[in-house]
């Protein structure tokens, strides 16, 4: 029936126990022999030693957009575009690079030691002997296996040394490229800043705008004062007309004074004077002046920011310090890393015991399914009787 378990694969625990009790001497001999063979094999296998170092990368040195001069970025906004690998990933890529592997192979003569002719095979074997992991956030662990304790320790320490040289080279190269770019950009900014300053100066000379906000405020105040004087004279003129005629000297003087004040207001609103800009032109002048000064101020701010980055790039280019620190130094290993002798012997003995039990069960079931020859009934014979039987009948 579908889904039922086949009797051939069923296991009788009681039968297994009886079989073990019955054949325990044979089982003991077989498994003891396998265990002895495993012990001999594990002691013949080559011994490997492992040494490790733990590295901690420095925080990412990004160019933060800081216009305040305090060293703090505005919302941690970086000048770089797109996502970048973390310092941990960058350090791992450097340690696992071909440049570091080639330096190790040449420094320790690994091709001659391993009897290899091709550099590619030496890189592959070094990669098989090296494990680069990131067990914790911000850490990179490098573990190297070798046939001797000293070689394992020296290779792990050499990984730190050559990885440091590669990080210094990369950092200096990037800093040099950044410095070259900033030098070109700063020269362009100096020209743009000089042009912006010339535009502001030309605007101030053309419109006599020494300090446009203060001059605009003074223009408004002067216009307001003149308007107040005109209103006061108009009041006096209205009062004088009640008692004098229009041809009277008092009325004529007030009319002349009011007319003069009105001409001053008109002149102030239209063209201004040497220091006060015209009132009608104030909005346009203000907008143009703000545009020119804003352009000059922004160029100056960008120039100051890039000059700080330029000095930083110069320092990085001349700074031969690796961008990581060593948390755990390489030490001389006290015990071998492989082979795991006790585990190998235990697994071999367990597999041998399982195989021997399976063999005994298989043999017992095979013997149980074979019918002995004595229990098979003889089939009925047909045909003429045998000759001996015939003789016996004749004798009878």
Protein backbone atom coordinates (compact mmCIF):
# COMPACT_ATOMS: atom_id res chain seq x y z
CA UNK A 1 0.00 0.00 0.00
CA UNK A 2 1.27 3.47 -0.86
CA UNK A 3 2.72 5.33 2.16
CA UNK A 4 3.38 2.18 4.20
CA UNK A 5 6.91 1.58 5.36
CA UNK A 6 8.75 -1.30 3.72
CA UNK A 7 9.58 -4.13 6.13
CA UNK A 8 13.05 -4.38 4.60
CA UNK A 9 13.91 -0.95 5.99
CA UNK A 10 12.28 -1.31 9.43
CA UNK A 11 14.63 -1.50 12.40
CA UNK A 12 13.93 -3.75 15.37
CA UNK A 13 15.72 -2.20 18.33
CA UNK A 14 15.36 -5.36 20.34
CA UNK A 15 16.89 -7.37 17.52
CA UNK A 16 19.75 -4.90 17.27
CA UNK A 17 20.46 -5.20 21.00
CA UNK A 18 20.42 -9.00 20.80
CA UNK A 19 22.69 -8.87 17.79
CA UNK A 20 25.16 -6.63 19.61
CA UNK A 21 25.18 -8.89 22.65
CA UNK A 22 25.69 -11.91 20.44
CA UNK A 23 28.43 -10.45 18.21
CA UNK A 24 30.06 -7.95 20.59
CA UNK A 25 33.47 -9.56 20.30
CA UNK A 26 33.49 -9.17 16.54
CA UNK A 27 32.20 -5.59 16.79
CA UNK A 28 34.88 -4.73 19.33
CA UNK A 29 37.64 -6.12 17.15
CA UNK A 30 36.46 -4.35 14.01
CA UNK A 31 35.94 -0.94 15.62
CA UNK A 32 39.15 -1.17 17.60
CA UNK A 33 40.98 -1.86 14.37
CA UNK A 34 39.31 1.10 12.66
CA UNK A 35 40.10 3.38 15.63
CA UNK A 36 43.74 2.28 15.59
CA UNK A 37 43.93 2.90 11.86
CA UNK A 38 42.38 6.37 12.30
CA UNK A 39 44.88 7.20 15.05
CA UNK A 40 47.71 6.18 12.81
CA UNK A 41 46.37 8.20 9.89
CA UNK A 42 45.81 11.42 11.88
CA UNK A 43 49.33 11.26 13.25
CA UNK A 44 50.72 10.79 9.77
CA UNK A 45 48.75 13.72 8.28
CA UNK A 46 50.62 17.04 8.03
CA UNK A 47 50.12 19.47 10.89
CA UNK A 48 49.01 23.06 10.25
CA UNK A 49 49.27 26.05 12.57
CA UNK A 50 47.13 29.20 12.46
CA UNK A 51 47.93 32.75 13.54
CA UNK A 52 45.59 35.74 13.28
CA UNK A 53 45.57 39.52 13.52
CA UNK A 54 42.63 41.87 14.08
CA UNK A 55 42.53 45.24 12.31
CA UNK A 56 40.29 48.25 13.00
CA UNK A 57 39.84 50.72 10.11
CA UNK A 58 39.94 54.43 10.73
CA UNK A 59 36.69 56.40 10.33
CA UNK A 60 35.94 57.44 6.79
CA UNK A 61 37.60 60.75 5.99
CA UNK A 62 34.96 62.51 3.96
CA UNK A 63 34.93 66.11 2.76
CA UNK A 64 32.03 67.49 4.74
CA UNK A 65 30.22 70.58 3.49
CA UNK A 66 31.10 73.05 6.25
CA UNK A 67 30.57 76.73 5.53
CA UNK A 68 30.65 77.88 9.13
CA UNK A 69 34.36 77.28 9.71
CA UNK A 70 33.69 75.32 12.91
CA UNK A 71 34.52 71.92 11.46
CA UNK A 72 30.97 70.60 11.71
CA UNK A 73 29.12 69.53 8.59
CA UNK A 74 25.68 70.80 7.74
CA UNK A 75 23.52 67.74 8.16
CA UNK A 76 26.49 65.46 7.36
CA UNK A 77 26.09 66.38 3.70
CA UNK A 78 29.01 64.99 1.75
CA UNK A 79 30.43 66.21 -1.51
CA UNK A 80 30.60 62.64 -2.81
CA UNK A 81 27.71 61.26 -4.84
CA UNK A 82 26.19 57.82 -4.41
CA UNK A 83 26.78 55.11 -1.84
CA UNK A 84 30.32 54.08 -1.04
CA UNK A 85 31.76 51.00 0.69
CA UNK A 86 32.30 51.26 4.42
CA UNK A 87 35.83 51.58 5.87
CA UNK A 88 35.57 47.94 6.95
CA UNK A 89 34.83 46.81 3.40
CA UNK A 90 37.60 49.02 2.00
CA UNK A 91 40.15 47.54 4.41
CA UNK A 92 39.03 44.02 3.59
CA UNK A 93 39.43 44.68 -0.14
CA UNK A 94 42.95 46.00 0.43
CA UNK A 95 43.98 42.99 2.54
CA UNK A 96 42.50 40.61 -0.04
CA UNK A 97 44.08 42.41 -2.99
CA UNK A 98 46.49 40.89 -5.48
CA UNK A 99 49.13 43.49 -4.65
CA UNK A 100 49.34 42.34 -1.02
CA UNK A 101 49.37 38.66 -2.08
CA UNK A 102 52.21 39.24 -4.55
CA UNK A 103 54.22 41.09 -1.94
CA UNK A 104 53.84 38.18 0.49
CA UNK A 105 54.76 35.59 -2.14
CA UNK A 106 57.90 37.46 -3.10
CA UNK A 107 58.93 38.32 0.44
CA UNK A 108 58.64 34.75 1.79
CA UNK A 109 59.63 32.95 -1.45
CA UNK A 110 56.40 30.97 -1.32
CA UNK A 111 56.70 29.63 -4.87
CA UNK A 112 60.01 27.97 -4.02
CA UNK A 113 58.70 26.82 -0.65
CA UNK A 114 55.60 25.26 -2.19
CA UNK A 115 57.43 24.09 -5.36
CA UNK A 116 55.15 26.00 -7.70
CA UNK A 117 56.16 27.52 -11.03
CA UNK A 118 53.17 29.74 -11.75
CA UNK A 119 52.35 32.88 -9.82
CA UNK A 120 48.64 32.19 -10.22
CA UNK A 121 48.92 28.86 -8.43
CA UNK A 122 50.86 30.50 -5.62
CA UNK A 123 48.12 33.14 -5.22
CA UNK A 124 45.46 30.43 -5.13
CA UNK A 125 47.29 28.42 -2.48
CA UNK A 126 47.90 31.54 -0.39
CA UNK A 127 44.19 32.34 -0.64
CA UNK A 128 43.37 28.78 0.52
CA UNK A 129 45.63 29.26 3.54
CA UNK A 130 44.18 32.70 4.39
CA UNK A 131 40.81 33.51 5.92
CA UNK A 132 39.60 37.14 6.01
CA UNK A 133 36.45 37.66 8.07
CA UNK A 134 34.55 40.50 9.74
CA UNK A 135 33.42 38.99 13.05
CA UNK A 136 32.29 42.30 14.54
CA UNK A 137 31.22 45.69 13.30
CA UNK A 138 34.28 47.69 12.32
CA UNK A 139 36.81 44.82 12.64
CA UNK A 140 38.68 42.77 10.04
CA UNK A 141 40.31 39.51 11.18
CA UNK A 142 43.04 37.89 9.07
CA UNK A 143 43.93 34.27 9.89
CA UNK A 144 46.80 32.48 8.13
CA UNK A 145 47.64 28.77 8.26
CA UNK A 146 51.12 27.37 7.66
CA UNK A 147 53.11 24.22 8.29
CA UNK A 148 55.23 25.86 10.99
CA UNK A 149 54.40 28.15 13.89
CA UNK A 150 56.91 30.78 12.86
CA UNK A 151 55.72 30.97 9.27
CA UNK A 152 52.08 31.35 10.33
CA UNK A 153 52.97 34.20 12.67
CA UNK A 154 55.24 35.93 10.16
CA UNK A 155 52.66 35.72 7.37
CA UNK A 156 49.94 37.20 9.57
CA UNK A 157 52.26 40.04 10.61
CA UNK A 158 53.30 40.58 6.99
CA UNK A 159 49.65 41.00 6.00
CA UNK A 160 49.51 43.99 8.36
CA UNK A 161 52.73 45.48 7.02
CA UNK A 162 51.92 45.20 3.31
CA UNK A 163 48.29 46.19 3.78
CA UNK A 164 49.54 49.33 5.54
CA UNK A 165 51.82 50.12 2.61
CA UNK A 166 48.97 49.67 0.15
CA UNK A 167 46.59 51.88 2.15
CA UNK A 168 49.24 54.61 2.37
CA UNK A 169 49.80 54.38 -1.38
CA UNK A 170 46.08 54.54 -2.13
CA UNK A 171 45.52 57.40 0.28
CA UNK A 172 48.43 59.39 -1.14
CA UNK A 173 47.24 58.76 -4.69
CA UNK A 174 43.68 59.88 -3.92
CA UNK A 175 44.96 62.91 -2.01
CA UNK A 176 47.22 63.86 -4.93
CA UNK A 177 44.32 63.64 -7.37
CA UNK A 178 42.17 65.72 -5.04
CA UNK A 179 44.93 68.30 -4.61
CA UNK A 180 45.42 68.65 -8.38
CA UNK A 181 41.70 69.11 -8.93
CA UNK A 182 41.44 71.67 -6.11
CA UNK A 183 44.40 73.64 -7.46
CA UNK A 184 42.69 74.01 -10.85
CA UNK A 185 39.35 74.83 -9.28
CA UNK A 186 40.85 77.42 -6.94
CA UNK A 187 42.52 79.20 -9.85
CA UNK A 188 39.18 79.34 -11.64
CA UNK A 189 37.48 80.60 -8.48
CA UNK A 190 40.06 83.35 -8.07
CA UNK A 191 39.27 84.59 -11.57
CA UNK A 192 35.51 84.37 -10.98
CA UNK A 193 35.86 86.13 -7.64
CA UNK A 194 37.93 88.94 -9.18
CA UNK A 195 35.29 89.39 -11.90
CA UNK A 196 32.49 89.45 -9.30
CA UNK A 197 34.35 92.06 -7.25
CA UNK A 198 34.88 94.18 -10.39
CA UNK A 199 31.15 93.99 -11.16
CA UNK A 200 30.24 95.13 -7.64
CA UNK A 201 32.74 97.98 -7.79
CA UNK A 202 31.47 99.10 -11.22
CA UNK A 203 27.88 99.05 -9.95
CA UNK A 204 28.79 101.12 -6.90
CA UNK A 205 30.69 103.66 -9.02
CA UNK A 206 27.89 103.92 -11.56
CA UNK A 207 25.07 104.34 -9.06
CA UNK A 208 27.08 105.98 -6.29
CA UNK A 209 26.14 103.06 -4.04
CA UNK A 210 28.65 103.29 -1.24
CA UNK A 211 26.34 101.42 1.13
CA UNK A 212 23.07 100.83 -0.66
CA UNK A 213 21.00 99.66 2.31
CA UNK A 214 22.02 102.67 4.42
CA UNK A 215 21.62 105.01 1.46
CA UNK A 216 18.15 103.65 0.69
CA UNK A 217 17.17 104.12 4.31
CA UNK A 218 18.50 107.69 4.24
CA UNK A 219 16.55 108.37 1.02
CA UNK A 220 13.33 107.20 2.62
CA UNK A 221 13.96 109.28 5.72
CA UNK A 222 14.74 112.41 3.66
CA UNK A 223 11.62 111.91 1.55
CA UNK A 224 9.54 111.52 4.68
CA UNK A 225 10.99 114.66 6.25
CA UNK A 226 10.32 116.72 3.10
CA UNK A 227 6.77 115.41 2.90
CA UNK A 228 6.21 116.41 6.52
CA UNK A 229 7.54 119.93 5.88
CA UNK A 230 5.27 120.29 2.81
CA UNK A 231 2.27 119.22 4.90
CA UNK A 232 3.15 121.77 7.59
CA UNK A 233 3.61 124.60 5.08
CA UNK A 234 0.32 123.72 3.38
CA UNK A 235 -1.37 124.03 6.77
CA UNK A 236 0.21 127.45 7.38
CA UNK A 237 -0.72 128.53 3.83
CA UNK A 238 -4.35 127.58 4.36
CA UNK A 239 -4.41 129.56 7.62
CA UNK A 240 -2.72 132.61 5.98
CA UNK A 241 -5.28 132.70 3.15
CA UNK A 242 -8.03 133.31 5.68
CA UNK A 243 -6.52 136.67 6.59
CA UNK A 244 -4.51 137.67 3.49
CA UNK A 245 -5.04 137.63 -0.23
CA UNK A 246 -3.05 135.50 -2.64
CA UNK A 247 -0.90 138.49 -3.62
CA UNK A 248 0.13 139.17 -0.03
CA UNK A 249 3.86 138.70 0.71
CA UNK A 250 3.15 136.17 3.49
CA UNK A 251 1.10 133.92 1.19
CA UNK A 252 3.59 134.28 -1.67
CA UNK A 253 6.51 133.29 0.59
CA UNK A 254 4.69 130.19 1.82
CA UNK A 255 3.79 129.20 -1.76
CA UNK A 256 7.39 129.61 -2.94
CA UNK A 257 8.69 127.56 -0.01
CA UNK A 258 6.15 124.76 -0.67
CA UNK A 259 7.06 124.69 -4.36
CA UNK A 260 10.75 124.42 -3.56
CA UNK A 261 10.12 121.52 -1.19
CA UNK A 262 8.03 119.74 -3.82
CA UNK A 263 10.81 120.16 -6.38
CA UNK A 264 13.27 118.63 -3.91
CA UNK A 265 10.91 115.66 -3.33
CA UNK A 266 10.52 115.14 -7.10
CA UNK A 267 14.26 115.31 -7.64
CA UNK A 268 14.85 112.89 -4.78
CA UNK A 269 12.31 110.40 -6.10
CA UNK A 270 13.55 110.53 -9.68
CA UNK A 271 17.29 110.91 -9.61
CA UNK A 272 18.54 111.51 -6.11
CA UNK A 273 21.76 113.33 -5.44
CA UNK A 274 25.42 112.49 -4.99
CA UNK A 275 24.87 110.16 -2.02
CA UNK A 276 21.14 109.43 -2.00
CA UNK A 277 19.82 107.15 -4.81
CA UNK A 278 16.54 107.93 -6.48
CA UNK A 279 13.42 106.54 -4.85
CA UNK A 280 11.91 105.17 -8.05
CA UNK A 281 15.08 103.25 -8.89
CA UNK A 282 15.48 101.82 -5.40
CA UNK A 283 13.76 98.41 -6.02
CA UNK A 284 15.72 97.67 -9.19
CA UNK A 285 18.98 98.91 -7.71
CA UNK A 286 18.42 96.88 -4.60
CA UNK A 287 17.75 93.68 -6.52
CA UNK A 288 20.75 94.16 -8.79
CA UNK A 289 22.98 95.02 -5.85
CA UNK A 290 21.79 91.97 -3.93
CA UNK A 291 22.48 89.72 -6.92
CA UNK A 292 25.99 91.02 -7.37
CA UNK A 293 26.87 90.90 -3.69
CA UNK A 294 25.32 87.44 -3.29
CA UNK A 295 27.40 86.13 -6.17
CA UNK A 296 30.54 87.64 -4.69
CA UNK A 297 29.76 86.27 -1.21
CA UNK A 298 29.00 82.75 -2.44
CA UNK A 299 32.18 82.62 -4.50
CA UNK A 300 34.19 83.78 -1.51
CA UNK A 301 32.57 81.13 0.72
CA UNK A 302 33.23 78.36 -1.80
CA UNK A 303 36.81 79.53 -2.20
CA UNK A 304 37.38 79.47 1.57
CA UNK A 305 35.87 75.98 1.87
CA UNK A 306 37.92 74.54 -0.99
CA UNK A 307 41.10 76.09 0.41
CA UNK A 308 40.54 74.16 3.64
CA UNK A 309 40.07 70.96 1.63
CA UNK A 310 43.16 71.80 -0.39
CA UNK A 311 45.28 72.08 2.76
CA UNK A 312 43.76 68.83 4.03
CA UNK A 313 44.66 67.06 0.78
CA UNK A 314 48.23 68.33 1.01
CA UNK A 315 48.54 66.97 4.55
CA UNK A 316 47.10 63.59 3.54
CA UNK A 317 49.41 63.36 0.56
CA UNK A 318 52.46 63.86 2.76
CA UNK A 319 51.19 61.74 5.69
CA UNK A 320 52.62 58.16 5.54
CA UNK A 321 50.27 56.75 8.18
CA UNK A 322 48.01 53.74 7.39
CA UNK A 323 44.27 54.23 7.62
CA UNK A 324 43.80 51.41 10.15
CA UNK A 325 45.04 50.26 13.53
CA UNK A 326 46.11 46.84 14.78
CA UNK A 327 43.88 45.65 17.60
CA UNK A 328 45.42 42.18 18.11
CA UNK A 329 48.96 41.45 17.04
CA UNK A 330 50.04 38.16 15.45
CA UNK A 331 51.27 35.65 18.05
CA UNK A 332 53.13 32.36 17.90
CA UNK A 333 50.44 29.62 17.92
CA UNK A 334 50.67 27.17 20.82
CA UNK A 335 48.52 24.41 19.30
CA UNK A 336 47.96 23.18 15.78
CA UNK A 337 44.76 24.14 13.98
CA UNK A 338 44.37 20.98 11.93
CA UNK A 339 43.96 18.09 11.71
CA UNK A 340 41.48 17.73 14.59
CA UNK A 341 42.79 14.39 15.79
CA UNK A 342 40.30 13.58 18.52
CA UNK A 343 37.34 14.58 16.35
CA UNK A 344 38.66 12.59 13.38
CA UNK A 345 39.14 9.43 15.47
CA UNK A 346 35.72 9.80 17.09
CA UNK A 347 33.96 10.30 13.75
CA UNK A 348 35.81 7.39 12.16
CA UNK A 349 34.87 5.08 15.05
CA UNK A 350 31.24 6.19 14.93
CA UNK A 351 31.01 5.63 11.18
CA UNK A 352 32.69 2.22 11.56
CA UNK A 353 30.27 1.18 14.30
CA UNK A 354 27.26 2.22 12.22
CA UNK A 355 28.61 0.41 9.15
CA UNK A 356 29.36 -2.79 11.08
CA UNK A 357 25.89 -2.84 12.65
CA UNK A 358 24.33 -2.33 9.25
CA UNK A 359 26.40 -5.19 7.87
CA UNK A 360 25.30 -7.54 10.64
CA UNK A 361 21.64 -6.60 10.17
CA UNK A 362 21.90 -7.06 6.43
CA UNK A 363 23.55 -10.48 6.85
CA UNK A 364 21.00 -11.64 9.38
CA UNK A 365 18.08 -10.65 7.17
CA UNK A 366 19.69 -12.30 4.17
CA UNK A 367 20.16 -15.56 6.07
CA UNK A 368 16.57 -15.40 7.32
CA UNK A 369 15.21 -15.11 3.77
CA UNK A 370 17.22 -18.13 2.46
CA UNK A 371 15.31 -21.43 2.91
CA UNK A 372 17.53 -24.33 3.89
CA UNK A 373 17.95 -27.03 1.20
CA UNK A 374 16.83 -29.86 3.56
CA UNK A 375 13.41 -28.27 4.01
CA UNK A 376 12.69 -28.11 0.26
CA UNK A 377 10.33 -31.07 -0.73
CA UNK A 378 11.48 -33.32 -3.59
CA UNK A 379 9.31 -32.86 -6.65
CA UNK A 380 7.30 -35.82 -8.05
CA UNK A 381 9.04 -37.73 -10.83
CA UNK A 382 7.37 -39.03 -14.00
CA UNK A 383 8.51 -41.40 -16.73
CA UNK A 384 9.77 -44.98 -16.79
CA UNK A 385 11.13 -46.55 -13.61
CA UNK A 386 14.82 -46.68 -12.94
CA UNK A 387 16.75 -49.75 -13.92
CA UNK A 388 17.54 -50.76 -10.36
CA UNK A 389 13.90 -50.56 -9.46
CA UNK A 390 13.07 -52.77 -12.43
CA UNK A 391 15.53 -55.38 -11.30
CA UNK A 392 14.07 -55.32 -7.91
CA UNK A 393 10.60 -55.92 -9.24
CA UNK A 394 11.84 -58.76 -11.40
CA UNK A 395 13.55 -60.36 -8.42
CA UNK A 396 10.40 -60.02 -6.44
